[in-house]
């Protein structure tokens, strides 16, 4: 994953694609910072986590830009998210998420909202990087509330 990002960075430089170049430089910087902090080269899963954080940050920024009525910044940030999503694994749709949650419910047998931690703890490793954990959390809460 890291090599693909670096290769795409070089291609963006050669093709003078400023937008892609800017986004990939930010990602590269975040990866290098994390490698320095951990004193080791990151695995693909760790790189995906960094990219996921970058996407999440940008989505939060879009919310703020909407409050400020800044369409120009919203469009630019959405383009950055599109570029970053190319490096993420295929995202699960809601049906796939529901199937995993239902399977987990069968194993854990929760009785109410008090079992949220147990269910989330079992589901999170299965969907990490492949689904929005906020959506997963929301679906689990809805299902626990209806028990």
N, C-alpha and C. Protein backbone atom coordinates (compact mmCIF):
# COMPACT_ATOMS: atom_id res chain seq x y z
N UNK A 1 0.84 -1.19 0.00
CA UNK A 1 0.00 0.00 0.00
C UNK A 1 0.88 1.25 0.00
N UNK A 2 1.87 1.22 0.87
CA UNK A 2 2.78 2.37 0.99
C UNK A 2 3.49 2.62 -0.33
N UNK A 3 3.93 1.53 -0.98
CA UNK A 3 4.64 1.64 -2.25
C UNK A 3 3.72 2.21 -3.34
N UNK A 4 2.46 1.80 -3.31
CA UNK A 4 1.49 2.30 -4.30
C UNK A 4 1.30 3.81 -4.13
N UNK A 5 1.20 4.26 -2.90
CA UNK A 5 1.03 5.69 -2.64
C UNK A 5 2.25 6.46 -3.15
N UNK A 6 3.44 5.95 -2.84
CA UNK A 6 4.67 6.63 -3.29
C UNK A 6 4.78 6.63 -4.81
N UNK A 7 4.40 5.53 -5.44
CA UNK A 7 4.42 5.44 -6.90
C UNK A 7 3.43 6.44 -7.52
N UNK A 8 2.24 6.51 -6.95
CA UNK A 8 1.24 7.46 -7.44
C UNK A 8 1.68 8.90 -7.21
N UNK A 9 2.42 9.13 -6.13
CA UNK A 9 2.95 10.46 -5.83
C UNK A 9 3.92 10.88 -6.93
N UNK A 10 4.81 9.97 -7.32
CA UNK A 10 5.77 10.26 -8.39
C UNK A 10 5.03 10.53 -9.71
N UNK A 11 4.02 9.70 -10.00
CA UNK A 11 3.24 9.90 -11.23
C UNK A 11 2.52 11.25 -11.23
N UNK A 12 1.98 11.64 -10.07
CA UNK A 12 1.30 12.93 -9.97
C UNK A 12 2.29 14.07 -10.22
N UNK A 13 3.53 13.91 -9.74
CA UNK A 13 4.55 14.93 -9.99
C UNK A 13 4.86 15.02 -11.49
N UNK A 14 5.03 13.86 -12.11
CA UNK A 14 5.36 13.83 -13.54
C UNK A 14 4.23 14.42 -14.39
N UNK A 15 3.00 14.13 -13.98
CA UNK A 15 1.83 14.59 -14.74
C UNK A 15 1.37 15.98 -14.32
N UNK A 16 2.06 16.56 -13.36
CA UNK A 16 1.73 17.90 -12.85
C UNK A 16 0.27 18.00 -12.36
N UNK A 17 -0.17 16.93 -11.69
CA UNK A 17 -1.52 16.90 -11.14
C UNK A 17 -1.45 17.42 -9.70
N UNK A 18 -1.63 18.71 -9.55
CA UNK A 18 -1.41 19.39 -8.27
C UNK A 18 -2.34 18.89 -7.17
N UNK A 19 -3.59 18.63 -7.52
CA UNK A 19 -4.56 18.21 -6.51
C UNK A 19 -4.17 16.84 -5.92
N UNK A 20 -3.92 15.86 -6.79
CA UNK A 20 -3.53 14.53 -6.33
C UNK A 20 -2.20 14.62 -5.57
N UNK A 21 -1.28 15.38 -6.10
CA UNK A 21 0.03 15.54 -5.48
C UNK A 21 -0.09 16.08 -4.06
N UNK A 22 -0.91 17.09 -3.88
CA UNK A 22 -1.11 17.69 -2.57
C UNK A 22 -1.67 16.68 -1.57
N UNK A 23 -2.70 15.93 -1.98
CA UNK A 23 -3.33 14.96 -1.09
C UNK A 23 -2.35 13.85 -0.73
N UNK A 24 -1.63 13.34 -1.72
CA UNK A 24 -0.70 12.24 -1.46
C UNK A 24 0.47 12.68 -0.60
N UNK A 25 0.89 13.93 -0.75
CA UNK A 25 1.96 14.44 0.12
C UNK A 25 1.49 14.48 1.57
N UNK A 26 0.24 14.89 1.79
CA UNK A 26 -0.31 14.91 3.15
C UNK A 26 -0.35 13.50 3.74
N UNK A 27 -0.79 12.55 2.93
CA UNK A 27 -0.87 11.16 3.39
C UNK A 27 0.53 10.63 3.68
N UNK A 28 1.46 10.91 2.78
CA UNK A 28 2.84 10.46 2.97
C UNK A 28 3.41 11.03 4.27
N UNK A 29 3.15 12.29 4.52
CA UNK A 29 3.61 12.95 5.75
C UNK A 29 3.01 12.30 6.99
N UNK A 30 1.72 11.98 6.93
CA UNK A 30 1.05 11.34 8.07
C UNK A 30 1.64 9.95 8.31
N UNK A 31 1.93 9.23 7.22
CA UNK A 31 2.52 7.90 7.34
C UNK A 31 3.92 8.00 7.96
N UNK A 32 4.72 8.93 7.46
CA UNK A 32 6.07 9.09 7.98
C UNK A 32 6.06 9.49 9.46
N UNK A 33 5.15 10.36 9.83
CA UNK A 33 5.03 10.79 11.23
C UNK A 33 4.71 9.59 12.12
N UNK A 34 3.79 8.78 11.68
CA UNK A 34 3.40 7.61 12.47
C UNK A 34 4.55 6.61 12.56
N UNK A 35 5.30 6.45 11.46
CA UNK A 35 6.45 5.53 11.47
C UNK A 35 7.52 6.03 12.44
N UNK A 36 7.71 7.33 12.49
CA UNK A 36 8.68 7.90 13.42
C UNK A 36 8.22 7.67 14.86
N UNK A 37 6.93 7.89 15.11
CA UNK A 37 6.39 7.69 16.46
C UNK A 37 6.49 6.24 16.91
N UNK A 38 6.22 5.31 15.98
CA UNK A 38 6.23 3.88 16.33
C UNK A 38 7.61 3.24 16.16
N UNK A 39 8.50 3.95 15.49
CA UNK A 39 9.86 3.46 15.22
C UNK A 39 9.85 2.15 14.44
N UNK A 40 8.93 2.05 13.47
CA UNK A 40 8.89 0.88 12.59
C UNK A 40 8.12 1.23 11.33
N UNK A 41 8.30 0.40 10.29
CA UNK A 41 7.56 0.62 9.05
C UNK A 41 6.13 0.11 9.25
N UNK A 42 5.17 0.85 8.74
CA UNK A 42 3.77 0.51 8.95
C UNK A 42 3.32 -0.61 8.03
N UNK A 43 2.39 -1.43 8.53
CA UNK A 43 1.76 -2.47 7.71
C UNK A 43 0.67 -1.82 6.85
N UNK A 44 0.15 -2.59 5.90
CA UNK A 44 -0.93 -2.07 5.05
C UNK A 44 -2.15 -1.69 5.89
N UNK A 45 -2.47 -2.49 6.91
CA UNK A 45 -3.62 -2.18 7.76
C UNK A 45 -3.44 -0.85 8.49
N UNK A 46 -2.22 -0.60 8.94
CA UNK A 46 -1.94 0.66 9.64
C UNK A 46 -2.01 1.85 8.68
N UNK A 47 -1.55 1.65 7.44
CA UNK A 47 -1.64 2.71 6.43
C UNK A 47 -3.11 2.99 6.12
N UNK A 48 -3.91 1.94 6.03
CA UNK A 48 -5.34 2.11 5.76
C UNK A 48 -6.01 2.87 6.90
N UNK A 49 -5.59 2.61 8.15
CA UNK A 49 -6.14 3.35 9.29
C UNK A 49 -5.82 4.84 9.17
N UNK A 50 -4.60 5.16 8.74
CA UNK A 50 -4.21 6.56 8.58
C UNK A 50 -5.06 7.22 7.50
N UNK A 51 -5.23 6.54 6.38
CA UNK A 51 -6.05 7.09 5.29
C UNK A 51 -7.49 7.27 5.77
N UNK A 52 -7.98 6.30 6.52
CA UNK A 52 -9.34 6.39 7.05
C UNK A 52 -9.49 7.62 7.95
N UNK A 53 -8.48 7.89 8.79
CA UNK A 53 -8.52 9.09 9.65
C UNK A 53 -8.51 10.36 8.80
N UNK A 54 -7.74 10.35 7.72
CA UNK A 54 -7.68 11.51 6.83
C UNK A 54 -9.07 11.77 6.22
N UNK A 55 -9.73 10.69 5.80
CA UNK A 55 -11.08 10.82 5.22
C UNK A 55 -12.06 11.34 6.26
N UNK A 56 -11.99 10.79 7.46
CA UNK A 56 -12.89 11.21 8.54
C UNK A 56 -12.71 12.70 8.85
N UNK A 57 -11.46 13.14 8.92
CA UNK A 57 -11.18 14.54 9.20
C UNK A 57 -11.78 15.43 8.12
N UNK A 58 -11.64 15.03 6.88
CA UNK A 58 -12.18 15.82 5.78
C UNK A 58 -13.70 15.86 5.80
N UNK A 59 -14.33 14.74 6.17
CA UNK A 59 -15.80 14.72 6.25
C UNK A 59 -16.28 15.67 7.34
N UNK A 60 -15.54 15.72 8.45
CA UNK A 60 -15.89 16.66 9.53
C UNK A 60 -15.72 18.09 9.05
N UNK A 61 -14.68 18.33 8.27
CA UNK A 61 -14.43 19.68 7.73
C UNK A 61 -15.56 20.11 6.81
N UNK A 62 -16.08 19.17 6.02
CA UNK A 62 -17.19 19.50 5.12
C UNK A 62 -18.38 20.01 5.92
N UNK A 63 -18.65 19.37 7.06
CA UNK A 63 -19.75 19.82 7.92
C UNK A 63 -19.56 21.26 8.36
N UNK A 64 -18.33 21.60 8.72
CA UNK A 64 -18.03 22.98 9.14
C UNK A 64 -18.14 23.95 7.96
N UNK A 65 -17.68 23.51 6.79
CA UNK A 65 -17.74 24.37 5.61
C UNK A 65 -19.19 24.64 5.22
N UNK A 66 -20.06 23.65 5.43
CA UNK A 66 -21.48 23.85 5.11
C UNK A 66 -22.08 24.91 6.03
N UNK A 67 -21.67 24.89 7.30
CA UNK A 67 -22.16 25.91 8.24
C UNK A 67 -21.70 27.30 7.80
N UNK A 68 -20.50 27.38 7.25
CA UNK A 68 -19.95 28.66 6.80
C UNK A 68 -20.33 29.02 5.38
N UNK A 69 -21.13 28.14 4.72
CA UNK A 69 -21.59 28.40 3.35
C UNK A 69 -20.41 28.55 2.38
N UNK A 70 -19.41 27.68 2.49
CA UNK A 70 -18.21 27.75 1.66
C UNK A 70 -18.22 26.62 0.62
N UNK A 71 -18.99 26.80 -0.44
CA UNK A 71 -19.12 25.78 -1.48
C UNK A 71 -17.77 25.44 -2.12
N UNK A 72 -16.90 26.44 -2.29
CA UNK A 72 -15.60 26.20 -2.90
C UNK A 72 -14.77 25.20 -2.09
N UNK A 73 -14.78 25.37 -0.77
CA UNK A 73 -14.02 24.47 0.10
C UNK A 73 -14.68 23.09 0.18
N UNK A 74 -16.01 23.06 0.12
CA UNK A 74 -16.73 21.78 0.16
C UNK A 74 -16.34 20.95 -1.06
N UNK A 75 -16.35 21.54 -2.24
CA UNK A 75 -16.01 20.84 -3.47
C UNK A 75 -14.57 20.34 -3.45
N UNK A 76 -13.65 21.18 -3.02
CA UNK A 76 -12.24 20.80 -2.97
C UNK A 76 -12.03 19.65 -1.99
N UNK A 77 -12.69 19.70 -0.85
CA UNK A 77 -12.54 18.66 0.17
C UNK A 77 -13.17 17.35 -0.30
N UNK A 78 -14.31 17.43 -0.98
CA UNK A 78 -14.93 16.22 -1.53
C UNK A 78 -14.02 15.56 -2.57
N UNK A 79 -13.33 16.38 -3.37
CA UNK A 79 -12.38 15.84 -4.34
C UNK A 79 -11.23 15.12 -3.64
N UNK A 80 -10.77 15.69 -2.53
CA UNK A 80 -9.69 15.06 -1.76
C UNK A 80 -10.15 13.71 -1.21
N UNK A 81 -11.39 13.64 -0.72
CA UNK A 81 -11.93 12.39 -0.20
C UNK A 81 -11.98 11.34 -1.31
N UNK A 82 -12.39 11.75 -2.51
CA UNK A 82 -12.45 10.83 -3.65
C UNK A 82 -11.07 10.27 -3.95
N UNK A 83 -10.06 11.10 -3.91
CA UNK A 83 -8.68 10.65 -4.16
C UNK A 83 -8.26 9.65 -3.08
N UNK A 84 -8.54 9.95 -1.82
CA UNK A 84 -8.15 9.08 -0.72
C UNK A 84 -8.88 7.74 -0.75
N UNK A 85 -10.14 7.75 -1.17
CA UNK A 85 -10.94 6.52 -1.17
C UNK A 85 -10.39 5.48 -2.14
N UNK A 86 -9.60 5.91 -3.12
CA UNK A 86 -8.99 4.96 -4.06
C UNK A 86 -8.04 4.01 -3.35
N UNK A 87 -7.53 4.40 -2.19
CA UNK A 87 -6.56 3.60 -1.45
C UNK A 87 -7.19 2.77 -0.34
N UNK A 88 -8.49 2.90 -0.20
CA UNK A 88 -9.20 2.15 0.84
C UNK A 88 -9.71 0.83 0.25
N UNK A 89 -9.83 -0.21 1.11
CA UNK A 89 -10.43 -1.45 0.61
C UNK A 89 -11.89 -1.19 0.26
N UNK A 90 -12.45 -2.08 -0.53
CA UNK A 90 -13.86 -1.95 -0.92
C UNK A 90 -14.71 -1.85 0.35
N UNK A 91 -15.55 -0.83 0.41
CA UNK A 91 -16.38 -0.61 1.58
C UNK A 91 -17.60 -1.54 1.55
N UNK A 92 -17.97 -2.03 2.73
CA UNK A 92 -19.13 -2.90 2.86
C UNK A 92 -20.40 -2.08 2.72
N UNK A 93 -21.42 -2.72 2.14
CA UNK A 93 -22.71 -2.04 2.11
C UNK A 93 -23.49 -2.41 3.37
N UNK A 94 -24.63 -1.79 3.55
CA UNK A 94 -25.38 -1.96 4.79
C UNK A 94 -25.83 -3.40 5.00
N UNK A 95 -26.14 -4.12 3.91
CA UNK A 95 -26.57 -5.52 4.02
C UNK A 95 -25.45 -6.39 4.58
N UNK A 96 -24.22 -6.18 4.10
CA UNK A 96 -23.08 -6.95 4.60
C UNK A 96 -22.83 -6.65 6.08
N UNK A 97 -22.95 -5.38 6.44
CA UNK A 97 -22.76 -4.98 7.84
C UNK A 97 -23.83 -5.64 8.71
N UNK A 98 -25.08 -5.61 8.25
CA UNK A 98 -26.18 -6.21 9.02
C UNK A 98 -25.96 -7.71 9.22
N UNK A 99 -25.45 -8.38 8.19
CA UNK A 99 -25.20 -9.83 8.30
C UNK A 99 -24.15 -10.11 9.38
N UNK A 100 -23.07 -9.34 9.39
CA UNK A 100 -22.03 -9.52 10.41
C UNK A 100 -22.59 -9.24 11.80
N UNK A 101 -23.39 -8.19 11.92
CA UNK A 101 -23.98 -7.84 13.22
C UNK A 101 -24.93 -8.94 13.67
N UNK A 102 -25.76 -9.46 12.75
CA UNK A 102 -26.69 -10.54 13.11
C UNK A 102 -25.95 -11.79 13.56
N UNK A 103 -24.86 -12.13 12.86
CA UNK A 103 -24.04 -13.29 13.25
C UNK A 103 -23.46 -13.08 14.65
N UNK A 104 -23.02 -11.86 14.92
CA UNK A 104 -22.44 -11.54 16.22
C UNK A 104 -23.51 -11.62 17.31
N UNK A 105 -24.71 -11.15 17.01
CA UNK A 105 -25.81 -11.23 17.97
C UNK A 105 -26.09 -12.69 18.33
N UNK A 106 -26.02 -13.59 17.33
CA UNK A 106 -26.28 -15.01 17.57
C UNK A 106 -25.23 -15.60 18.52
N UNK A 107 -23.98 -15.13 18.40
CA UNK A 107 -22.90 -15.63 19.26
C UNK A 107 -22.93 -15.01 20.66
N UNK A 108 -23.06 -13.66 20.71
CA UNK A 108 -22.95 -12.93 21.97
C UNK A 108 -24.25 -12.99 22.79
N UNK A 109 -25.39 -13.09 22.10
CA UNK A 109 -26.72 -13.10 22.73
C UNK A 109 -26.94 -11.91 23.67
N UNK A 110 -26.89 -10.67 23.12
CA UNK A 110 -27.09 -9.49 23.97
C UNK A 110 -28.53 -9.39 24.45
N UNK A 111 -28.72 -8.75 25.60
CA UNK A 111 -30.07 -8.60 26.15
C UNK A 111 -30.56 -7.16 26.14
N UNK A 112 -29.66 -6.21 25.89
CA UNK A 112 -30.07 -4.82 25.87
C UNK A 112 -28.91 -3.91 25.56
N UNK A 113 -29.14 -2.60 25.70
CA UNK A 113 -28.11 -1.61 25.40
C UNK A 113 -26.86 -1.77 26.28
N UNK A 114 -27.02 -2.42 27.41
CA UNK A 114 -25.86 -2.62 28.30
C UNK A 114 -24.81 -3.54 27.66
N UNK A 115 -25.20 -4.29 26.67
CA UNK A 115 -24.26 -5.19 25.98
C UNK A 115 -23.63 -4.56 24.74
N UNK A 116 -23.78 -3.27 24.59
CA UNK A 116 -23.22 -2.54 23.43
C UNK A 116 -21.72 -2.80 23.29
N UNK A 117 -20.99 -2.74 24.38
CA UNK A 117 -19.54 -2.93 24.35
C UNK A 117 -19.15 -4.31 23.86
N UNK A 118 -19.88 -5.33 24.34
CA UNK A 118 -19.59 -6.71 23.91
C UNK A 118 -19.79 -6.87 22.41
N UNK A 119 -20.92 -6.37 21.93
CA UNK A 119 -21.25 -6.51 20.51
C UNK A 119 -20.27 -5.72 19.66
N UNK A 120 -20.04 -4.47 20.02
CA UNK A 120 -19.13 -3.61 19.24
C UNK A 120 -17.72 -4.19 19.26
N UNK A 121 -17.31 -4.74 20.39
CA UNK A 121 -15.98 -5.34 20.51
C UNK A 121 -15.81 -6.53 19.59
N UNK A 122 -16.87 -7.26 19.34
CA UNK A 122 -16.81 -8.42 18.44
C UNK A 122 -16.92 -8.02 16.97
N UNK A 123 -17.71 -6.98 16.70
CA UNK A 123 -17.96 -6.57 15.32
C UNK A 123 -16.81 -5.71 14.76
N UNK A 124 -16.27 -4.82 15.58
CA UNK A 124 -15.27 -3.85 15.11
C UNK A 124 -14.09 -4.48 14.36
N UNK A 125 -13.47 -5.54 14.89
CA UNK A 125 -12.33 -6.12 14.15
C UNK A 125 -12.73 -6.69 12.78
N UNK A 126 -13.98 -7.10 12.64
CA UNK A 126 -14.44 -7.70 11.39
C UNK A 126 -14.71 -6.67 10.30
N UNK A 127 -15.01 -5.44 10.70
CA UNK A 127 -15.37 -4.41 9.72
C UNK A 127 -14.36 -3.27 9.63
N UNK A 128 -13.34 -3.29 10.49
CA UNK A 128 -12.39 -2.18 10.55
C UNK A 128 -11.75 -1.92 9.19
N UNK A 129 -11.83 -0.67 8.74
CA UNK A 129 -11.26 -0.28 7.46
C UNK A 129 -12.17 -0.58 6.28
N UNK A 130 -13.20 -1.41 6.51
CA UNK A 130 -14.09 -1.80 5.42
C UNK A 130 -15.47 -1.17 5.56
N UNK A 131 -15.73 -0.55 6.71
CA UNK A 131 -17.04 0.08 6.95
C UNK A 131 -16.86 1.24 7.91
N UNK A 132 -17.77 2.18 7.82
CA UNK A 132 -17.78 3.33 8.72
C UNK A 132 -18.25 2.85 10.09
N UNK A 133 -17.37 2.95 11.10
CA UNK A 133 -17.72 2.47 12.43
C UNK A 133 -18.86 3.26 13.05
N UNK A 134 -19.05 4.50 12.62
CA UNK A 134 -20.19 5.28 13.10
C UNK A 134 -21.51 4.66 12.65
N UNK A 135 -21.54 4.21 11.40
CA UNK A 135 -22.74 3.55 10.86
C UNK A 135 -22.95 2.22 11.59
N UNK A 136 -21.88 1.46 11.79
CA UNK A 136 -21.97 0.18 12.49
C UNK A 136 -22.53 0.40 13.89
N UNK A 137 -22.01 1.40 14.59
CA UNK A 137 -22.46 1.72 15.94
C UNK A 137 -23.96 2.04 15.94
N UNK A 138 -24.39 2.83 14.97
CA UNK A 138 -25.81 3.23 14.87
C UNK A 138 -26.70 2.01 14.65
N UNK A 139 -26.30 1.11 13.76
CA UNK A 139 -27.09 -0.09 13.46
C UNK A 139 -27.18 -0.97 14.71
N UNK A 140 -26.06 -1.14 15.41
CA UNK A 140 -26.06 -1.98 16.62
C UNK A 140 -26.99 -1.38 17.67
N UNK A 141 -26.92 -0.05 17.87
CA UNK A 141 -27.79 0.59 18.86
C UNK A 141 -29.26 0.37 18.52
N UNK A 142 -29.60 0.53 17.22
CA UNK A 142 -31.00 0.32 16.81
C UNK A 142 -31.45 -1.11 17.11
N UNK A 143 -30.59 -2.07 16.81
CA UNK A 143 -30.96 -3.47 17.04
C UNK A 143 -31.06 -3.77 18.53
N UNK A 144 -30.15 -3.22 19.33
CA UNK A 144 -30.20 -3.44 20.78
C UNK A 144 -31.41 -2.78 21.39
N UNK A 145 -31.82 -1.64 20.89
CA UNK A 145 -32.98 -0.92 21.41
C UNK A 145 -34.26 -1.68 21.16
N UNK A 146 -34.28 -2.48 20.08
CA UNK A 146 -35.51 -3.20 19.72
C UNK A 146 -35.59 -4.58 20.38
N UNK A 147 -34.62 -4.92 21.23
CA UNK A 147 -34.66 -6.22 21.93
C UNK A 147 -35.68 -6.21 23.04
